[in-house]
Amino acid sequence: MRKFVVLFAVLALTSLVGCVTINVYFPEAAAQKAADQFIGSVIDQGTAAQKNGAPAAQDAQKPAEGGPSASVIDLLIPAAYAAGTPDLRIHTPTIDAIHARMSKRFRESLQALLDEGAVGFTQDGLVAVRDLSAAPLAQRAGVKSTVAAENADRNQLYAEIAKANGHPDWQSQVRETFARLWIERAHAGWYYRDSAGGWKRK
Protein backbone atom coordinates (compact mmCIF):
# COMPACT_ATOMS: atom_id res chain seq x y z
CA MET A 1 0.00 0.00 0.00
CA ARG A 2 2.81 2.37 0.91
CA LYS A 3 4.59 1.68 -2.40
CA PHE A 4 1.37 2.42 -4.23
CA VAL A 5 0.99 5.77 -2.45
CA VAL A 6 4.62 6.74 -3.26
CA LEU A 7 4.20 5.69 -6.89
CA PHE A 8 0.95 7.66 -7.14
CA ALA A 9 2.63 10.76 -5.66
CA VAL A 10 5.54 10.55 -8.11
CA LEU A 11 3.17 10.09 -11.05
CA ALA A 12 1.08 13.03 -9.87
CA LEU A 13 4.17 15.28 -9.55
CA THR A 14 5.43 14.18 -12.95
CA SER A 15 2.06 15.06 -14.41
CA LEU A 16 2.19 18.44 -12.68
CA VAL A 17 5.64 19.16 -14.13
CA GLY A 18 4.31 18.28 -17.56
CA CYS A 19 1.54 20.81 -17.11
CA VAL A 20 3.99 23.45 -15.90
CA THR A 21 6.47 23.00 -18.73
CA ILE A 22 4.02 22.69 -21.63
CA ASN A 23 3.82 26.48 -21.98
CA VAL A 24 7.07 28.14 -20.96
CA TYR A 25 6.62 31.83 -21.58
CA PHE A 26 9.46 34.30 -21.78
CA PRO A 27 9.77 35.88 -18.29
CA GLU A 28 9.68 39.53 -19.37
CA ALA A 29 9.78 41.00 -15.85
CA ALA A 30 12.75 38.83 -14.90
CA ALA A 31 14.48 39.72 -18.17
CA GLN A 32 14.05 43.43 -17.48
CA LYS A 33 15.50 43.00 -14.01
CA ALA A 34 18.46 41.03 -15.38
CA ALA A 35 19.08 43.52 -18.19
CA ASP A 36 18.89 46.47 -15.81
CA GLN A 37 21.37 44.78 -13.46
CA PHE A 38 23.83 43.91 -16.22
CA ILE A 39 23.62 47.25 -18.03
CA GLY A 40 23.77 49.22 -14.80
CA SER A 41 26.93 47.40 -13.74
CA VAL A 42 28.58 48.25 -17.08
CA ILE A 43 27.45 51.87 -17.40
CA ASP A 44 27.20 53.09 -13.80
CA GLN A 45 30.18 51.27 -12.32
CA GLY A 46 32.21 52.08 -15.41
CA THR A 47 31.36 55.77 -15.02
CA ALA A 48 32.19 55.72 -11.32
CA ALA A 49 35.50 54.01 -12.03
CA GLN A 50 36.44 56.70 -14.56
CA LYS A 51 35.64 59.43 -12.05
CA ASN A 52 37.54 57.73 -9.24
CA GLY A 53 40.42 56.50 -11.36
CA ALA A 54 39.83 52.91 -10.22
CA PRO A 55 38.77 49.79 -12.12
CA ALA A 56 35.06 48.98 -12.08
CA ALA A 57 34.02 46.18 -9.81
CA GLN A 58 32.59 43.03 -11.36
CA ASP A 59 28.95 42.54 -10.46
CA ALA A 60 29.00 40.56 -7.24
CA GLN A 61 25.41 39.41 -7.16
CA LYS A 62 26.03 35.91 -8.43
CA PRO A 63 23.72 33.04 -7.57
CA ALA A 64 24.74 31.19 -4.43
CA GLU A 65 26.21 27.77 -4.94
CA GLY A 66 25.53 24.78 -2.76
CA GLY A 67 22.85 25.11 -0.12
CA PRO A 68 20.49 22.54 1.38
CA SER A 69 19.68 19.40 -0.55
CA ALA A 70 16.62 19.62 -2.79
CA SER A 71 13.38 17.87 -1.96
CA VAL A 72 11.65 15.56 -4.44
CA ILE A 73 9.35 18.38 -5.58
CA ASP A 74 12.34 20.73 -6.02
CA LEU A 75 13.94 18.16 -8.31
CA LEU A 76 10.79 17.71 -10.36
CA ILE A 77 9.56 21.31 -10.57
CA PRO A 78 11.97 24.03 -11.74
CA ALA A 79 12.78 26.50 -8.96
CA ALA A 80 11.70 29.42 -11.16
CA TYR A 81 8.14 28.14 -11.24
CA ALA A 82 8.09 27.09 -7.61
CA ALA A 83 9.13 30.60 -6.58
CA GLY A 84 6.45 32.21 -8.72
CA THR A 85 8.79 35.02 -9.77
CA PRO A 86 11.42 33.53 -12.08
CA ASP A 87 14.90 34.98 -12.33
CA LEU A 88 16.86 35.06 -15.54
CA ARG A 89 20.31 33.60 -15.16
CA ILE A 90 22.99 36.08 -16.23
CA HIS A 91 26.05 34.53 -14.60
CA THR A 92 28.08 31.82 -16.28
CA PRO A 93 31.84 31.84 -16.94
CA THR A 94 31.16 32.89 -20.54
CA ILE A 95 28.71 35.66 -19.63
CA ASP A 96 31.00 36.96 -16.89
CA ALA A 97 33.89 37.08 -19.36
CA ILE A 98 31.71 39.09 -21.77
CA HIS A 99 30.75 41.41 -18.92
CA ALA A 100 34.41 41.98 -18.05
CA ARG A 101 35.30 42.82 -21.67
CA MET A 102 32.35 45.18 -22.07
CA SER A 103 33.08 46.95 -18.78
CA LYS A 104 36.74 47.42 -19.70
CA ARG A 105 35.85 48.67 -23.19
CA PHE A 106 33.27 51.08 -21.77
CA ARG A 107 35.82 52.60 -19.38
CA GLU A 108 38.63 52.80 -21.90
CA SER A 109 36.87 53.99 -25.05
CA LEU A 110 33.13 53.48 -25.48
CA GLN A 111 31.95 55.97 -22.87
CA ALA A 112 34.05 58.73 -24.43
CA LEU A 113 32.62 57.91 -27.88
CA LEU A 114 29.08 58.04 -26.49
CA ASP A 115 29.79 61.31 -24.67
CA GLU A 116 31.20 62.83 -27.86
CA GLY A 117 28.26 61.67 -29.97
CA ALA A 118 30.45 59.65 -32.31
CA VAL A 119 28.59 56.45 -31.41
CA GLY A 120 25.01 55.72 -30.35
CA PHE A 121 22.69 52.88 -29.37
CA THR A 122 20.50 51.11 -31.91
CA GLN A 123 17.05 49.53 -31.71
CA ASP A 124 18.52 46.03 -32.01
CA GLY A 125 20.65 46.18 -28.87
CA LEU A 126 23.89 47.14 -30.61
CA VAL A 127 25.94 50.30 -31.11
CA ALA A 128 26.65 52.11 -34.36
CA VAL A 129 28.88 54.91 -35.62
CA ARG A 130 26.78 58.08 -35.75
CA ASP A 131 29.35 60.75 -36.61
CA LEU A 132 32.99 59.76 -36.94
CA SER A 133 34.05 63.40 -37.09
CA ALA A 134 32.72 63.90 -33.55
CA ALA A 135 35.56 61.78 -32.19
CA PRO A 136 38.97 63.38 -31.62
CA LEU A 137 41.25 62.87 -34.61
CA ALA A 138 43.58 60.60 -32.66
CA GLN A 139 40.67 58.26 -31.76
CA ARG A 140 38.97 58.02 -35.16
CA ALA A 141 41.04 55.13 -36.45
CA GLY A 142 39.87 52.94 -33.57
CA VAL A 143 36.18 53.82 -33.56
CA LYS A 144 35.06 51.17 -36.05
CA SER A 145 37.06 48.42 -34.35
CA THR A 146 35.61 49.42 -30.97
CA VAL A 147 32.08 49.28 -32.37
CA ALA A 148 32.75 45.91 -34.03
CA ALA A 149 34.18 44.41 -30.83
CA GLU A 150 31.29 45.76 -28.75
CA ASN A 151 28.68 44.39 -31.14
CA ALA A 152 30.37 40.99 -31.24
CA ASP A 153 30.18 40.82 -27.45
CA ARG A 154 26.57 42.01 -27.37
CA ASN A 155 25.47 39.45 -29.95
CA GLN A 156 27.20 36.71 -27.99
CA LEU A 157 25.72 38.00 -24.73
CA TYR A 158 22.12 37.71 -25.89
CA ALA A 159 22.72 34.21 -27.25
CA GLU A 160 24.51 33.07 -24.09
CA ILE A 161 21.82 34.38 -21.74
CA ALA A 162 19.13 32.53 -23.70
CA LYS A 163 21.29 29.39 -23.72
CA ALA A 164 22.11 29.65 -19.99
CA ASN A 165 18.39 29.64 -19.23
CA GLY A 166 17.74 26.57 -21.32
CA HIS A 167 15.87 28.43 -24.07
CA PRO A 168 18.02 29.36 -27.08
CA ASP A 169 14.72 30.37 -28.70
CA TRP A 170 14.52 33.30 -26.27
CA GLN A 171 17.50 35.04 -27.90
CA SER A 172 15.45 37.58 -29.86
CA GLN A 173 13.36 38.43 -26.80
CA VAL A 174 16.48 38.83 -24.65
CA ARG A 175 17.89 41.13 -27.33
CA GLU A 176 14.70 43.22 -27.46
CA THR A 177 14.67 43.62 -23.68
CA PHE A 178 18.34 44.62 -23.53
CA ALA A 179 17.92 46.99 -26.50
CA ARG A 180 15.15 48.85 -24.70
CA LEU A 181 17.11 49.03 -21.43
CA TRP A 182 20.34 50.24 -23.08
CA ILE A 183 18.39 53.23 -24.41
CA GLU A 184 16.50 53.79 -21.16
CA ARG A 185 19.74 53.76 -19.16
CA ALA A 186 21.57 56.02 -21.61
CA HIS A 187 22.96 59.20 -20.07
CA ALA A 188 21.74 62.64 -21.02
CA GLY A 189 23.47 63.74 -24.21
CA TRP A 190 23.96 60.25 -25.62
CA TYR A 191 22.44 59.34 -28.97
CA TYR A 192 20.15 56.49 -29.93
CA ARG A 193 18.27 55.47 -33.04
CA ASP A 194 14.48 55.68 -32.88
CA SER A 195 12.13 53.15 -34.46
CA ALA A 196 12.25 55.09 -37.75
CA GLY A 197 16.04 54.84 -37.91
CA GLY A 198 16.75 58.50 -37.08
CA TRP A 199 19.23 59.59 -34.44
CA LYS A 200 17.89 61.26 -31.31
CA ARG A 201 19.71 62.75 -28.36
CA LYS A 202 18.64 62.10 -24.78
C-alpha atoms as a PDB file:
ATOM      1  CA  MET A   1       0.000   0.000   0.000  1.00  0.00           C
ATOM      2  CA  ARG A   2       2.807   2.373   0.909  1.00  0.00           C
ATOM      3  CA  LYS A   3       4.587   1.677  -2.400  1.00  0.00           C
ATOM      4  CA  PHE A   4       1.365   2.415  -4.235  1.00  0.00           C
ATOM      5  CA  VAL A   5       0.993   5.770  -2.453  1.00  0.00           C
ATOM      6  CA  VAL A   6       4.618   6.744  -3.259  1.00  0.00           C
ATOM      7  CA  LEU A   7       4.199   5.693  -6.886  1.00  0.00           C
ATOM      8  CA  PHE A   8       0.952   7.656  -7.141  1.00  0.00           C
ATOM      9  CA  ALA A   9       2.634  10.758  -5.657  1.00  0.00           C
ATOM     10  CA  VAL A  10       5.541  10.547  -8.112  1.00  0.00           C
ATOM     11  CA  LEU A  11       3.174  10.094 -11.051  1.00  0.00           C
ATOM     12  CA  ALA A  12       1.079  13.032  -9.871  1.00  0.00           C
ATOM     13  CA  LEU A  13       4.167  15.279  -9.545  1.00  0.00           C
ATOM     14  CA  THR A  14       5.433  14.183 -12.947  1.00  0.00           C
ATOM     15  CA  SER A  15       2.062  15.056 -14.410  1.00  0.00           C
ATOM     16  CA  LEU A  16       2.194  18.442 -12.685  1.00  0.00           C
ATOM     17  CA  VAL A  17       5.639  19.155 -14.128  1.00  0.00           C
ATOM     18  CA  GLY A  18       4.312  18.278 -17.563  1.00  0.00           C
ATOM     19  CA  CYS A  19       1.542  20.815 -17.113  1.00  0.00           C
ATOM     20  CA  VAL A  20       3.993  23.453 -15.905  1.00  0.00           C
ATOM     21  CA  THR A  21       6.469  23.000 -18.730  1.00  0.00           C
ATOM     22  CA  ILE A  22       4.025  22.694 -21.627  1.00  0.00           C
ATOM     23  CA  ASN A  23       3.816  26.484 -21.978  1.00  0.00           C
ATOM     24  CA  VAL A  24       7.069  28.139 -20.957  1.00  0.00           C
ATOM     25  CA  TYR A  25       6.621  31.827 -21.581  1.00  0.00           C
ATOM     26  CA  PHE A  26       9.457  34.305 -21.783  1.00  0.00           C
ATOM     27  CA  PRO A  27       9.767  35.885 -18.290  1.00  0.00           C
ATOM     28  CA  GLU A  28       9.675  39.527 -19.373  1.00  0.00           C
ATOM     29  CA  ALA A  29       9.779  41.000 -15.849  1.00  0.00           C
ATOM     30  CA  ALA A  30      12.750  38.834 -14.895  1.00  0.00           C
ATOM     31  CA  ALA A  31      14.479  39.720 -18.166  1.00  0.00           C
ATOM     32  CA  GLN A  32      14.048  43.433 -17.476  1.00  0.00           C
ATOM     33  CA  LYS A  33      15.504  42.995 -14.007  1.00  0.00           C
ATOM     34  CA  ALA A  34      18.457  41.030 -15.378  1.00  0.00           C
ATOM     35  CA  ALA A  35      19.084  43.519 -18.188  1.00  0.00           C
ATOM     36  CA  ASP A  36      18.894  46.469 -15.806  1.00  0.00           C
ATOM     37  CA  GLN A  37      21.372  44.781 -13.463  1.00  0.00           C
ATOM     38  CA  PHE A  38      23.826  43.906 -16.218  1.00  0.00           C
ATOM     39  CA  ILE A  39      23.623  47.248 -18.031  1.00  0.00           C
ATOM     40  CA  GLY A  40      23.774  49.217 -14.799  1.00  0.00           C
ATOM     41  CA  SER A  41      26.933  47.403 -13.740  1.00  0.00           C
ATOM     42  CA  VAL A  42      28.584  48.249 -17.077  1.00  0.00           C
ATOM     43  CA  ILE A  43      27.454  51.872 -17.397  1.00  0.00           C
ATOM     44  CA  ASP A  44      27.202  53.091 -13.800  1.00  0.00           C
ATOM     45  CA  GLN A  45      30.184  51.269 -12.324  1.00  0.00           C
ATOM     46  CA  GLY A  46      32.206  52.079 -15.406  1.00  0.00           C
ATOM     47  CA  THR A  47      31.356  55.770 -15.024  1.00  0.00           C
ATOM     48  CA  ALA A  48      32.188  55.716 -11.320  1.00  0.00           C
ATOM     49  CA  ALA A  49      35.501  54.006 -12.032  1.00  0.00           C
ATOM     50  CA  GLN A  50      36.436  56.697 -14.557  1.00  0.00           C
ATOM     51  CA  LYS A  51      35.638  59.432 -12.047  1.00  0.00           C
ATOM     52  CA  ASN A  52      37.536  57.728  -9.236  1.00  0.00           C
ATOM     53  CA  GLY A  53      40.422  56.503 -11.358  1.00  0.00           C
ATOM     54  CA  ALA A  54      39.826  52.910 -10.225  1.00  0.00           C
ATOM     55  CA  PRO A  55      38.774  49.792 -12.122  1.00  0.00           C
ATOM     56  CA  ALA A  56      35.064  48.979 -12.078  1.00  0.00           C
ATOM     57  CA  ALA A  57      34.023  46.175  -9.811  1.00  0.00           C
ATOM     58  CA  GLN A  58      32.591  43.033 -11.362  1.00  0.00           C
ATOM     59  CA  ASP A  59      28.950  42.540 -10.459  1.00  0.00           C
ATOM     60  CA  ALA A  60      29.002  40.560  -7.236  1.00  0.00           C
ATOM     61  CA  GLN A  61      25.413  39.413  -7.162  1.00  0.00           C
ATOM     62  CA  LYS A  62      26.031  35.911  -8.434  1.00  0.00           C
ATOM     63  CA  PRO A  63      23.718  33.039  -7.574  1.00  0.00           C
ATOM     64  CA  ALA A  64      24.743  31.194  -4.435  1.00  0.00           C
ATOM     65  CA  GLU A  65      26.214  27.773  -4.941  1.00  0.00           C
ATOM     66  CA  GLY A  66      25.534  24.777  -2.764  1.00  0.00           C
ATOM     67  CA  GLY A  67      22.848  25.110  -0.117  1.00  0.00           C
ATOM     68  CA  PRO A  68      20.493  22.541   1.377  1.00  0.00           C
ATOM     69  CA  SER A  69      19.684  19.395  -0.555  1.00  0.00           C
ATOM     70  CA  ALA A  70      16.620  19.625  -2.789  1.00  0.00           C
ATOM     71  CA  SER A  71      13.383  17.867  -1.960  1.00  0.00           C
ATOM     72  CA  VAL A  72      11.649  15.564  -4.443  1.00  0.00           C
ATOM     73  CA  ILE A  73       9.345  18.381  -5.580  1.00  0.00           C
ATOM     74  CA  ASP A  74      12.338  20.730  -6.024  1.00  0.00           C
ATOM     75  CA  LEU A  75      13.937  18.165  -8.308  1.00  0.00           C
ATOM     76  CA  LEU A  76      10.793  17.714 -10.360  1.00  0.00           C
ATOM     77  CA  ILE A  77       9.562  21.311 -10.569  1.00  0.00           C
ATOM     78  CA  PRO A  78      11.973  24.028 -11.738  1.00  0.00           C
ATOM     79  CA  ALA A  79      12.782  26.502  -8.960  1.00  0.00           C
ATOM     80  CA  ALA A  80      11.701  29.419 -11.155  1.00  0.00           C
ATOM     81  CA  TYR A  81       8.138  28.144 -11.242  1.00  0.00           C
ATOM     82  CA  ALA A  82       8.087  27.086  -7.608  1.00  0.00           C
ATOM     83  CA  ALA A  83       9.132  30.598  -6.581  1.00  0.00           C
ATOM     84  CA  GLY A  84       6.448  32.213  -8.715  1.00  0.00           C
ATOM     85  CA  THR A  85       8.791  35.018  -9.772  1.00  0.00           C
ATOM     86  CA  PRO A  86      11.420  33.531 -12.082  1.00  0.00           C
ATOM     87  CA  ASP A  87      14.903  34.984 -12.325  1.00  0.00           C
ATOM     88  CA  LEU A  88      16.860  35.061 -15.539  1.00  0.00           C
ATOM     89  CA  ARG A  89      20.314  33.596 -15.163  1.00  0.00           C
ATOM     90  CA  ILE A  90      22.987  36.077 -16.234  1.00  0.00           C
ATOM     91  CA  HIS A  91      26.051  34.534 -14.595  1.00  0.00           C
ATOM     92  CA  THR A  92      28.084  31.821 -16.282  1.00  0.00           C
ATOM     93  CA  PRO A  93      31.838  31.844 -16.936  1.00  0.00           C
ATOM     94  CA  THR A  94      31.163  32.889 -20.540  1.00  0.00           C
ATOM     95  CA  ILE A  95      28.707  35.660 -19.628  1.00  0.00           C
ATOM     96  CA  ASP A  96      31.000  36.960 -16.887  1.00  0.00           C
ATOM     97  CA  ALA A  97      33.894  37.084 -19.364  1.00  0.00           C
ATOM     98  CA  ILE A  98      31.714  39.091 -21.775  1.00  0.00           C
ATOM     99  CA  HIS A  99      30.752  41.415 -18.920  1.00  0.00           C
ATOM    100  CA  ALA A 100      34.408  41.979 -18.049  1.00  0.00           C
ATOM    101  CA  ARG A 101      35.305  42.821 -21.668  1.00  0.00           C
ATOM    102  CA  MET A 102      32.349  45.177 -22.072  1.00  0.00           C
ATOM    103  CA  SER A 103      33.081  46.952 -18.784  1.00  0.00           C
ATOM    104  CA  LYS A 104      36.743  47.416 -19.701  1.00  0.00           C
ATOM    105  CA  ARG A 105      35.849  48.666 -23.191  1.00  0.00           C
ATOM    106  CA  PHE A 106      33.272  51.075 -21.767  1.00  0.00           C
ATOM    107  CA  ARG A 107      35.821  52.601 -19.382  1.00  0.00           C
ATOM    108  CA  GLU A 108      38.630  52.796 -21.898  1.00  0.00           C
ATOM    109  CA  SER A 109      36.868  53.995 -25.046  1.00  0.00           C
ATOM    110  CA  LEU A 110      33.133  53.480 -25.484  1.00  0.00           C
ATOM    111  CA  GLN A 111      31.947  55.966 -22.872  1.00  0.00           C
ATOM    112  CA  ALA A 112      34.047  58.734 -24.433  1.00  0.00           C
ATOM    113  CA  LEU A 113      32.624  57.914 -27.878  1.00  0.00           C
ATOM    114  CA  LEU A 114      29.079  58.037 -26.486  1.00  0.00           C
ATOM    115  CA  ASP A 115      29.786  61.312 -24.668  1.00  0.00           C
ATOM    116  CA  GLU A 116      31.200  62.829 -27.860  1.00  0.00           C
ATOM    117  CA  GLY A 117      28.257  61.668 -29.966  1.00  0.00           C
ATOM    118  CA  ALA A 118      30.449  59.653 -32.307  1.00  0.00           C
ATOM    119  CA  VAL A 119      28.586  56.447 -31.412  1.00  0.00           C
ATOM    120  CA  GLY A 120      25.013  55.718 -30.347  1.00  0.00           C
ATOM    121  CA  PHE A 121      22.690  52.877 -29.375  1.00  0.00           C
ATOM    122  CA  THR A 122      20.503  51.109 -31.914  1.00  0.00           C
ATOM    123  CA  GLN A 123      17.055  49.525 -31.707  1.00  0.00           C
ATOM    124  CA  ASP A 124      18.515  46.027 -32.008  1.00  0.00           C
ATOM    125  CA  GLY A 125      20.647  46.181 -28.872  1.00  0.00           C
ATOM    126  CA  LEU A 126      23.890  47.138 -30.606  1.00  0.00           C
ATOM    127  CA  VAL A 127      25.939  50.302 -31.106  1.00  0.00           C
ATOM    128  CA  ALA A 128      26.645  52.109 -34.363  1.00  0.00           C
ATOM    129  CA  VAL A 129      28.876  54.912 -35.618  1.00  0.00           C
ATOM    130  CA  ARG A 130      26.777  58.081 -35.747  1.00  0.00           C
ATOM    131  CA  ASP A 131      29.349  60.749 -36.612  1.00  0.00           C
ATOM    132  CA  LEU A 132      32.987  59.758 -36.939  1.00  0.00           C
ATOM    133  CA  SER A 133      34.046  63.396 -37.086  1.00  0.00           C
ATOM    134  CA  ALA A 134      32.717  63.897 -33.547  1.00  0.00           C
ATOM    135  CA  ALA A 135      35.555  61.779 -32.188  1.00  0.00           C
ATOM    136  CA  PRO A 136      38.965  63.384 -31.621  1.00  0.00           C
ATOM    137  CA  LEU A 137      41.248  62.867 -34.611  1.00  0.00           C
ATOM    138  CA  ALA A 138      43.576  60.602 -32.660  1.00  0.00           C
ATOM    139  CA  GLN A 139      40.673  58.262 -31.763  1.00  0.00           C
ATOM    140  CA  ARG A 140      38.972  58.019 -35.159  1.00  0.00           C
ATOM    141  CA  ALA A 141      41.042  55.131 -36.450  1.00  0.00           C
ATOM    142  CA  GLY A 142      39.874  52.940 -33.566  1.00  0.00           C
ATOM    143  CA  VAL A 143      36.177  53.820 -33.557  1.00  0.00           C
ATOM    144  CA  LYS A 144      35.058  51.173 -36.047  1.00  0.00           C
ATOM    145  CA  SER A 145      37.062  48.423 -34.352  1.00  0.00           C
ATOM    146  CA  THR A 146      35.609  49.422 -30.967  1.00  0.00           C
ATOM    147  CA  VAL A 147      32.081  49.278 -32.374  1.00  0.00           C
ATOM    148  CA  ALA A 148      32.751  45.915 -34.032  1.00  0.00           C
ATOM    149  CA  ALA A 149      34.179  44.408 -30.831  1.00  0.00           C
ATOM    150  CA  GLU A 150      31.286  45.758 -28.749  1.00  0.00           C
ATOM    151  CA  ASN A 151      28.680  44.392 -31.138  1.00  0.00           C
ATOM    152  CA  ALA A 152      30.368  40.987 -31.243  1.00  0.00           C
ATOM    153  CA  ASP A 153      30.179  40.821 -27.445  1.00  0.00           C
ATOM    154  CA  ARG A 154      26.571  42.013 -27.369  1.00  0.00           C
ATOM    155  CA  ASN A 155      25.470  39.451 -29.947  1.00  0.00           C
ATOM    156  CA  GLN A 156      27.200  36.711 -27.992  1.00  0.00           C
ATOM    157  CA  LEU A 157      25.724  38.002 -24.729  1.00  0.00           C
ATOM    158  CA  TYR A 158      22.122  37.706 -25.890  1.00  0.00           C
ATOM    159  CA  ALA A 159      22.716  34.213 -27.246  1.00  0.00           C
ATOM    160  CA  GLU A 160      24.514  33.069 -24.087  1.00  0.00           C
ATOM    161  CA  ILE A 161      21.818  34.379 -21.742  1.00  0.00           C
ATOM    162  CA  ALA A 162      19.134  32.527 -23.696  1.00  0.00           C
ATOM    163  CA  LYS A 163      21.288  29.394 -23.724  1.00  0.00           C
ATOM    164  CA  ALA A 164      22.112  29.652 -19.992  1.00  0.00           C
ATOM    165  CA  ASN A 165      18.389  29.643 -19.228  1.00  0.00           C
ATOM    166  CA  GLY A 166      17.735  26.568 -21.325  1.00  0.00           C
ATOM    167  CA  HIS A 167      15.874  28.433 -24.070  1.00  0.00           C
ATOM    168  CA  PRO A 168      18.019  29.363 -27.076  1.00  0.00           C
ATOM    169  CA  ASP A 169      14.717  30.368 -28.704  1.00  0.00           C
ATOM    170  CA  TRP A 170      14.522  33.302 -26.269  1.00  0.00           C
ATOM    171  CA  GLN A 171      17.501  35.036 -27.898  1.00  0.00           C
ATOM    172  CA  SER A 172      15.454  37.577 -29.864  1.00  0.00           C
ATOM    173  CA  GLN A 173      13.364  38.434 -26.801  1.00  0.00           C
ATOM    174  CA  VAL A 174      16.478  38.827 -24.651  1.00  0.00           C
ATOM    175  CA  ARG A 175      17.888  41.132 -27.328  1.00  0.00           C
ATOM    176  CA  GLU A 176      14.702  43.222 -27.455  1.00  0.00           C
ATOM    177  CA  THR A 177      14.665  43.620 -23.679  1.00  0.00           C
ATOM    178  CA  PHE A 178      18.336  44.625 -23.527  1.00  0.00           C
ATOM    179  CA  ALA A 179      17.922  46.989 -26.499  1.00  0.00           C
ATOM    180  CA  ARG A 180      15.153  48.846 -24.702  1.00  0.00           C
ATOM    181  CA  LEU A 181      17.108  49.026 -21.435  1.00  0.00           C
ATOM    182  CA  TRP A 182      20.337  50.236 -23.084  1.00  0.00           C
ATOM    183  CA  ILE A 183      18.390  53.228 -24.408  1.00  0.00           C
ATOM    184  CA  GLU A 184      16.502  53.788 -21.156  1.00  0.00           C
ATOM    185  CA  ARG A 185      19.741  53.758 -19.157  1.00  0.00           C
ATOM    186  CA  ALA A 186      21.575  56.016 -21.612  1.00  0.00           C
ATOM    187  CA  HIS A 187      22.963  59.195 -20.074  1.00  0.00           C
ATOM    188  CA  ALA A 188      21.741  62.643 -21.023  1.00  0.00           C
ATOM    189  CA  GLY A 189      23.474  63.738 -24.208  1.00  0.00           C
ATOM    190  CA  TRP A 190      23.963  60.248 -25.615  1.00  0.00           C
ATOM    191  CA  TYR A 191      22.440  59.343 -28.970  1.00  0.00           C
ATOM    192  CA  TYR A 192      20.154  56.489 -29.930  1.00  0.00           C
ATOM    193  CA  ARG A 193      18.266  55.472 -33.041  1.00  0.00           C
ATOM    194  CA  ASP A 194      14.482  55.684 -32.883  1.00  0.00           C
ATOM    195  CA  SER A 195      12.128  53.154 -34.462  1.00  0.00           C
ATOM    196  CA  ALA A 196      12.249  55.085 -37.745  1.00  0.00           C
ATOM    197  CA  GLY A 197      16.035  54.844 -37.909  1.00  0.00           C
ATOM    198  CA  GLY A 198      16.754  58.498 -37.080  1.00  0.00           C
ATOM    199  CA  TRP A 199      19.228  59.595 -34.445  1.00  0.00           C
ATOM    200  CA  LYS A 200      17.887  61.263 -31.310  1.00  0.00           C
ATOM    201  CA  ARG A 201      19.707  62.746 -28.355  1.00  0.00           C
ATOM    202  CA  LYS A 202      18.638  62.098 -24.785  1.00  0.00           C
END
